[in-house]
Protein backbone atom coordinates (compact mmCIF):
# COMPACT_ATOMS: atom_id res chain seq x y z
CA MET A 1 22.01 6.99 5.61
CA ARG A 2 22.86 5.43 9.43
CA ASP A 3 25.21 2.47 9.58
CA LEU A 4 23.22 -0.89 9.86
CA ILE A 5 23.78 -3.17 12.88
CA GLN A 6 26.95 -5.59 13.04
CA TYR A 7 25.37 -9.01 12.46
CA THR A 8 27.61 -11.45 13.47
CA SER A 9 27.70 -15.34 12.65
CA PRO A 10 27.38 -17.78 15.94
CA HIS A 11 28.72 -21.11 13.07
CA SER A 12 30.89 -21.44 10.30
CA MET A 13 29.62 -25.08 9.84
CA PRO A 14 27.00 -25.01 7.01
CA LEU A 15 23.48 -26.90 7.63
CA SER A 16 23.50 -30.59 7.40
CA ASN A 17 20.53 -31.81 4.80
CA PRO A 18 18.83 -33.86 7.84
CA GLN A 19 19.37 -30.33 9.85
CA LYS A 20 17.34 -28.36 7.13
CA LYS A 21 14.61 -31.17 6.75
CA LYS A 22 14.11 -30.62 10.96
CA LEU A 23 14.06 -26.93 10.28
CA LYS A 24 11.54 -26.98 7.27
CA ALA A 25 9.28 -28.80 9.31
CA HIS A 26 9.11 -26.39 11.98
CA ALA A 27 9.20 -23.71 9.89
CA HIS A 28 5.78 -25.37 8.37
CA GLY A 29 3.21 -23.45 10.53
CA LEU A 30 4.87 -20.29 10.76
CA ASN A 31 3.62 -16.95 9.04
CA PRO A 32 6.14 -14.33 8.06
CA VAL A 33 7.43 -11.57 10.52
CA VAL A 34 8.62 -8.97 7.88
CA GLN A 35 7.28 -7.95 4.68
CA LEU A 36 9.46 -6.01 1.79
CA GLY A 37 7.49 -3.72 0.34
CA GLN A 38 7.83 -0.87 -2.60
CA SER A 39 10.42 0.42 -1.07
CA GLY A 40 12.91 -3.03 -0.68
CA LEU A 41 15.39 -3.99 1.82
CA THR A 42 16.15 -0.89 3.34
CA ASN A 43 18.45 -0.45 6.64
CA ALA A 44 15.24 -0.63 8.94
CA VAL A 45 14.03 -3.64 7.31
CA LEU A 46 17.63 -5.30 7.73
CA ASP A 47 17.38 -4.31 11.25
CA GLU A 48 14.50 -5.75 11.65
CA ILE A 49 15.42 -9.11 10.27
CA GLU A 50 18.23 -9.39 12.62
CA LEU A 51 15.55 -8.58 15.93
CA ALA A 52 13.58 -11.25 14.31
CA ILE A 53 15.99 -13.78 13.91
CA LYS A 54 17.80 -12.85 16.79
CA HIS A 55 14.65 -13.42 19.00
CA HIS A 56 13.35 -16.51 16.58
CA GLU A 57 16.56 -18.25 15.17
CA LEU A 58 14.22 -19.56 12.52
CA ILE A 59 11.63 -16.70 10.68
CA LYS A 60 9.61 -16.44 7.51
CA VAL A 61 10.10 -13.21 5.05
CA LYS A 62 7.66 -12.29 2.45
CA VAL A 63 10.16 -10.44 -0.71
CA SER A 64 7.94 -8.67 -3.27
CA ALA A 65 9.73 -8.35 -6.06
CA GLU A 66 9.96 -7.45 -9.64
CA ASP A 67 10.95 -10.69 -11.03
CA ARG A 68 12.55 -13.92 -10.11
CA ASP A 69 16.37 -12.97 -10.70
CA GLU A 70 15.86 -9.70 -8.33
CA LYS A 71 13.70 -11.42 -5.47
CA LYS A 72 16.68 -14.48 -5.48
CA LEU A 73 19.09 -11.65 -4.97
CA ILE A 74 17.26 -9.78 -2.34
CA ILE A 75 17.03 -13.33 -0.49
CA GLN A 76 20.92 -13.71 -0.97
CA LYS A 77 21.71 -10.08 0.26
CA ILE A 78 19.65 -10.60 3.27
CA ALA A 79 20.96 -14.03 4.46
CA ASN A 80 24.74 -12.45 3.45
CA LYS A 81 23.32 -9.37 5.91
CA THR A 82 22.44 -11.12 8.63
CA HIS A 83 24.99 -14.39 8.49
CA SER A 84 22.09 -16.50 8.41
CA ASP A 85 21.36 -20.05 6.85
CA ILE A 86 18.80 -19.84 3.99
CA ILE A 87 16.13 -23.02 4.52
CA GLN A 88 14.12 -23.04 1.79
CA THR A 89 12.34 -20.61 -0.64
CA ILE A 90 8.78 -21.27 -1.85
CA GLY A 91 7.24 -18.42 -3.66
CA SER A 92 7.65 -15.17 -2.43
CA ILE A 93 8.43 -16.45 0.75
CA ALA A 94 12.06 -17.13 2.00
CA VAL A 95 12.71 -19.01 5.43
CA PHE A 96 15.94 -18.32 7.50
CA PHE A 97 18.23 -19.60 9.98
CA ARG A 98 21.07 -18.54 12.34
CA GLU A 99 21.12 -20.37 16.18
CA ASN A 100 21.25 -18.09 18.95
CA PRO A 101 23.86 -19.58 21.18
CA ASP A 102 21.73 -17.89 24.37
CA LYS A 103 17.92 -19.96 22.99
CA LYS A 104 19.27 -22.68 20.76
CA ASN A 105 15.47 -23.89 20.38
CA TYR A 106 16.60 -26.05 16.93
CA SER A 107 19.55 -27.69 18.07
């Protein structure tokens, strides 16, 4: 098994409620950029999520899981591994945000 890409967090301050509200509005029209399949959360999937969040800052991920608790664990693991904020979860879709200092599309 190969090593994961080193993910770094660009900010340490939690997002405020008005910031989250603004990001939810931006995310409304987005389609999921990554879908987790039967293989679950693999290193390759985490790398793909990392590339997407680095490029877009705000992304949707579709998480297919057997039950609600498993889905919550996967979503939290994605946020932890990519050092991103969970903006919202609706059904099997989770919205993640991590500011890219070079882009700052949502600042």
